[in-house]
Amino acid sequence: ISAIIQEVNSIVGDMSESVEDQSQATQKIATNVIKTHSVVADISKDIDEVKLVSGEISQSSSRIHQKATELNTLAEKMKKMISHFQI
């Protein structure tokens, strides 16, 4: 009986160690999931900022194109006006 009790105690001890190891592994996984979530949130924020800046650049580009077209039109008008003068 004493040998059986020792064997059961040994098994229970092994199980206790295994449970502790599993608990530590689970804690590490949970910590990594939290860190990963934080990194993903930061990346998402950065993507939103890039999207915003990209939209602003697109609007600026459109305004620049519009102003360049207006300048070209003015240059053509000036060219026609100047062509009437003879030097």
N, C-alpha and C. Protein backbone atom coordinates (compact mmCIF):
# COMPACT_ATOMS: atom_id res chain seq x y z
N ILE A 1 0.84 -1.19 0.00
CA ILE A 1 0.00 0.00 0.00
C ILE A 1 0.88 1.25 0.00
N SER A 2 1.94 1.23 0.77
CA SER A 2 2.85 2.36 0.86
C SER A 2 3.46 2.67 -0.50
N ALA A 3 3.81 1.65 -1.26
CA ALA A 3 4.39 1.83 -2.59
C ALA A 3 3.38 2.45 -3.53
N ILE A 4 2.13 2.01 -3.43
CA ILE A 4 1.07 2.56 -4.28
C ILE A 4 0.84 4.03 -3.95
N ILE A 5 0.85 4.37 -2.66
CA ILE A 5 0.67 5.77 -2.25
C ILE A 5 1.82 6.62 -2.78
N GLN A 6 3.03 6.10 -2.72
CA GLN A 6 4.18 6.84 -3.24
C GLN A 6 4.06 7.03 -4.75
N GLU A 7 3.61 5.99 -5.43
CA GLU A 7 3.43 6.07 -6.88
C GLU A 7 2.36 7.10 -7.23
N VAL A 8 1.24 7.08 -6.49
CA VAL A 8 0.17 8.05 -6.72
C VAL A 8 0.69 9.46 -6.43
N ASN A 9 1.44 9.62 -5.34
CA ASN A 9 2.02 10.93 -5.02
C ASN A 9 2.95 11.40 -6.13
N SER A 10 3.73 10.49 -6.68
CA SER A 10 4.63 10.83 -7.78
C SER A 10 3.84 11.27 -9.01
N ILE A 11 2.78 10.53 -9.32
CA ILE A 11 1.93 10.87 -10.47
C ILE A 11 1.27 12.22 -10.25
N VAL A 12 0.76 12.44 -9.05
CA VAL A 12 0.12 13.73 -8.73
C VAL A 12 1.15 14.86 -8.83
N GLY A 13 2.36 14.62 -8.36
CA GLY A 13 3.42 15.62 -8.47
C GLY A 13 3.75 15.94 -9.91
N ASP A 14 3.85 14.89 -10.74
CA ASP A 14 4.11 15.09 -12.17
C ASP A 14 2.97 15.88 -12.83
N MET A 15 1.74 15.52 -12.44
CA MET A 15 0.59 16.23 -13.00
C MET A 15 0.60 17.69 -12.57
N SER A 16 0.97 17.93 -11.32
CA SER A 16 1.02 19.30 -10.81
C SER A 16 2.07 20.11 -11.58
N GLU A 17 3.22 19.51 -11.84
CA GLU A 17 4.25 20.19 -12.62
C GLU A 17 3.76 20.47 -14.04
N SER A 18 3.09 19.48 -14.62
CA SER A 18 2.56 19.65 -15.98
C SER A 18 1.53 20.78 -16.03
N VAL A 19 0.67 20.83 -15.04
CA VAL A 19 -0.34 21.89 -14.98
C VAL A 19 0.34 23.25 -14.85
N GLU A 20 1.37 23.33 -14.02
CA GLU A 20 2.12 24.59 -13.84
C GLU A 20 2.79 25.00 -15.15
N ASP A 21 3.43 24.02 -15.82
CA ASP A 21 4.06 24.31 -17.11
C ASP A 21 3.03 24.81 -18.12
N GLN A 22 1.88 24.14 -18.14
CA GLN A 22 0.81 24.53 -19.07
C GLN A 22 0.30 25.93 -18.73
N SER A 23 0.20 26.23 -17.46
CA SER A 23 -0.25 27.55 -17.02
C SER A 23 0.73 28.63 -17.47
N GLN A 24 2.02 28.37 -17.33
CA GLN A 24 3.03 29.33 -17.77
C GLN A 24 2.99 29.53 -19.28
N ALA A 25 2.83 28.43 -20.01
CA ALA A 25 2.75 28.52 -21.47
C ALA A 25 1.52 29.32 -21.89
N THR A 26 0.40 29.08 -21.22
CA THR A 26 -0.83 29.81 -21.53
C THR A 26 -0.66 31.29 -21.24
N GLN A 27 0.02 31.62 -20.15
CA GLN A 27 0.28 33.02 -19.79
C GLN A 27 1.14 33.69 -20.86
N LYS A 28 2.16 32.97 -21.33
CA LYS A 28 3.02 33.53 -22.38
C LYS A 28 2.24 33.76 -23.66
N ILE A 29 1.38 32.82 -23.99
CA ILE A 29 0.55 32.97 -25.19
C ILE A 29 -0.36 34.19 -25.04
N ALA A 30 -0.99 34.34 -23.90
CA ALA A 30 -1.88 35.49 -23.66
C ALA A 30 -1.10 36.80 -23.77
N THR A 31 0.10 36.83 -23.20
CA THR A 31 0.94 38.04 -23.28
C THR A 31 1.28 38.35 -24.73
N ASN A 32 1.64 37.33 -25.49
CA ASN A 32 1.96 37.53 -26.91
C ASN A 32 0.76 38.00 -27.71
N VAL A 33 -0.41 37.48 -27.39
CA VAL A 33 -1.64 37.91 -28.09
C VAL A 33 -1.91 39.39 -27.80
N ILE A 34 -1.71 39.80 -26.56
CA ILE A 34 -1.92 41.21 -26.20
C ILE A 34 -0.92 42.10 -26.93
N LYS A 35 0.34 41.68 -26.96
CA LYS A 35 1.36 42.46 -27.68
C LYS A 35 1.04 42.54 -29.16
N THR A 36 0.63 41.42 -29.73
CA THR A 36 0.29 41.38 -31.15
C THR A 36 -0.88 42.30 -31.45
N HIS A 37 -1.87 42.28 -30.58
CA HIS A 37 -3.03 43.16 -30.75
C HIS A 37 -2.59 44.62 -30.76
N SER A 38 -1.70 44.96 -29.87
CA SER A 38 -1.19 46.34 -29.78
C SER A 38 -0.47 46.72 -31.07
N VAL A 39 0.36 45.83 -31.57
CA VAL A 39 1.10 46.10 -32.81
C VAL A 39 0.13 46.25 -33.98
N VAL A 40 -0.85 45.38 -34.06
CA VAL A 40 -1.84 45.44 -35.14
C VAL A 40 -2.62 46.75 -35.06
N ALA A 41 -2.97 47.18 -33.86
CA ALA A 41 -3.68 48.46 -33.69
C ALA A 41 -2.81 49.62 -34.16
N ASP A 42 -1.53 49.58 -33.84
CA ASP A 42 -0.61 50.63 -34.30
C ASP A 42 -0.51 50.64 -35.83
N ILE A 43 -0.40 49.47 -36.41
CA ILE A 43 -0.32 49.37 -37.87
C ILE A 43 -1.59 49.90 -38.51
N SER A 44 -2.73 49.55 -37.94
CA SER A 44 -4.00 50.02 -38.46
C SER A 44 -4.08 51.54 -38.40
N LYS A 45 -3.61 52.12 -37.30
CA LYS A 45 -3.59 53.58 -37.16
C LYS A 45 -2.69 54.20 -38.22
N ASP A 46 -1.51 53.59 -38.43
CA ASP A 46 -0.59 54.10 -39.45
C ASP A 46 -1.21 54.03 -40.84
N ILE A 47 -1.91 52.95 -41.13
CA ILE A 47 -2.57 52.81 -42.43
C ILE A 47 -3.64 53.89 -42.60
N ASP A 48 -4.39 54.17 -41.55
CA ASP A 48 -5.40 55.23 -41.62
C ASP A 48 -4.75 56.58 -41.89
N GLU A 49 -3.61 56.84 -41.25
CA GLU A 49 -2.90 58.10 -41.48
C GLU A 49 -2.40 58.19 -42.91
N VAL A 50 -1.86 57.09 -43.43
CA VAL A 50 -1.37 57.06 -44.81
C VAL A 50 -2.54 57.31 -45.77
N LYS A 51 -3.68 56.70 -45.48
CA LYS A 51 -4.87 56.88 -46.31
C LYS A 51 -5.29 58.36 -46.32
N LEU A 52 -5.28 58.98 -45.15
CA LEU A 52 -5.64 60.39 -45.04
C LEU A 52 -4.68 61.27 -45.83
N VAL A 53 -3.39 61.05 -45.64
CA VAL A 53 -2.38 61.84 -46.34
C VAL A 53 -2.46 61.61 -47.84
N SER A 54 -2.72 60.38 -48.23
CA SER A 54 -2.85 60.06 -49.65
C SER A 54 -4.01 60.83 -50.27
N GLY A 55 -5.12 60.92 -49.55
CA GLY A 55 -6.27 61.70 -50.04
C GLY A 55 -5.93 63.17 -50.17
N GLU A 56 -5.19 63.70 -49.19
CA GLU A 56 -4.78 65.10 -49.25
C GLU A 56 -3.85 65.35 -50.42
N ILE A 57 -2.93 64.43 -50.66
CA ILE A 57 -2.01 64.55 -51.79
C ILE A 57 -2.79 64.52 -53.10
N SER A 58 -3.76 63.65 -53.18
CA SER A 58 -4.57 63.55 -54.39
C SER A 58 -5.32 64.85 -54.65
N GLN A 59 -5.89 65.44 -53.59
CA GLN A 59 -6.60 66.72 -53.75
C GLN A 59 -5.63 67.82 -54.18
N SER A 60 -4.46 67.86 -53.55
CA SER A 60 -3.46 68.86 -53.92
C SER A 60 -3.02 68.70 -55.36
N SER A 61 -2.84 67.46 -55.77
CA SER A 61 -2.43 67.17 -57.14
C SER A 61 -3.49 67.66 -58.12
N SER A 62 -4.75 67.46 -57.79
CA SER A 62 -5.83 67.94 -58.65
C SER A 62 -5.82 69.46 -58.75
N ARG A 63 -5.61 70.13 -57.61
CA ARG A 63 -5.57 71.60 -57.62
C ARG A 63 -4.38 72.10 -58.44
N ILE A 64 -3.24 71.43 -58.30
CA ILE A 64 -2.06 71.82 -59.07
C ILE A 64 -2.32 71.66 -60.55
N HIS A 65 -2.95 70.57 -60.92
CA HIS A 65 -3.27 70.33 -62.34
C HIS A 65 -4.21 71.42 -62.85
N GLN A 66 -5.21 71.77 -62.05
CA GLN A 66 -6.17 72.81 -62.44
C GLN A 66 -5.44 74.15 -62.63
N LYS A 67 -4.58 74.51 -61.69
CA LYS A 67 -3.86 75.78 -61.78
C LYS A 67 -2.89 75.77 -62.96
N ALA A 68 -2.27 74.65 -63.25
CA ALA A 68 -1.37 74.55 -64.40
C ALA A 68 -2.15 74.76 -65.70
N THR A 69 -3.34 74.20 -65.75
CA THR A 69 -4.19 74.38 -66.93
C THR A 69 -4.58 75.85 -67.09
N GLU A 70 -4.93 76.50 -65.97
CA GLU A 70 -5.27 77.93 -66.01
C GLU A 70 -4.07 78.77 -66.46
N LEU A 71 -2.89 78.44 -65.95
CA LEU A 71 -1.68 79.17 -66.36
C LEU A 71 -1.41 78.97 -67.85
N ASN A 72 -1.61 77.78 -68.32
CA ASN A 72 -1.40 77.50 -69.74
C ASN A 72 -2.36 78.32 -70.59
N THR A 73 -3.61 78.42 -70.16
CA THR A 73 -4.60 79.21 -70.88
C THR A 73 -4.19 80.68 -70.89
N LEU A 74 -3.76 81.20 -69.73
CA LEU A 74 -3.31 82.59 -69.67
C LEU A 74 -2.09 82.81 -70.56
N ALA A 75 -1.18 81.85 -70.57
CA ALA A 75 0.02 81.98 -71.41
C ALA A 75 -0.37 82.04 -72.88
N GLU A 76 -1.32 81.24 -73.27
CA GLU A 76 -1.78 81.25 -74.67
C GLU A 76 -2.42 82.60 -75.01
N LYS A 77 -3.22 83.14 -74.11
CA LYS A 77 -3.85 84.45 -74.33
C LYS A 77 -2.79 85.53 -74.46
N MET A 78 -1.79 85.49 -73.56
CA MET A 78 -0.72 86.48 -73.61
C MET A 78 0.07 86.36 -74.90
N LYS A 79 0.29 85.14 -75.34
CA LYS A 79 1.02 84.90 -76.58
C LYS A 79 0.28 85.52 -77.76
N LYS A 80 -1.04 85.35 -77.78
CA LYS A 80 -1.85 85.93 -78.86
C LYS A 80 -1.81 87.45 -78.79
N MET A 81 -1.89 88.02 -77.58
CA MET A 81 -1.87 89.47 -77.42
C MET A 81 -0.53 90.04 -77.87
N ILE A 82 0.54 89.37 -77.48
CA ILE A 82 1.88 89.85 -77.82
C ILE A 82 2.15 89.71 -79.31
N SER A 83 1.53 88.74 -79.95
CA SER A 83 1.79 88.50 -81.37
C SER A 83 1.32 89.70 -82.21
N HIS A 84 0.46 90.55 -81.70
CA HIS A 84 -0.04 91.72 -82.42
C HIS A 84 1.02 92.83 -82.45
N PHE A 85 1.96 92.79 -81.51
CA PHE A 85 3.01 93.80 -81.47
C PHE A 85 4.16 93.38 -82.37
N GLN A 86 4.71 94.34 -83.07
CA GLN A 86 5.87 94.06 -83.89
C GLN A 86 7.07 94.81 -83.34
N ILE A 87 8.16 94.12 -83.29
CA ILE A 87 9.36 94.74 -82.75
C ILE A 87 10.29 95.08 -83.88
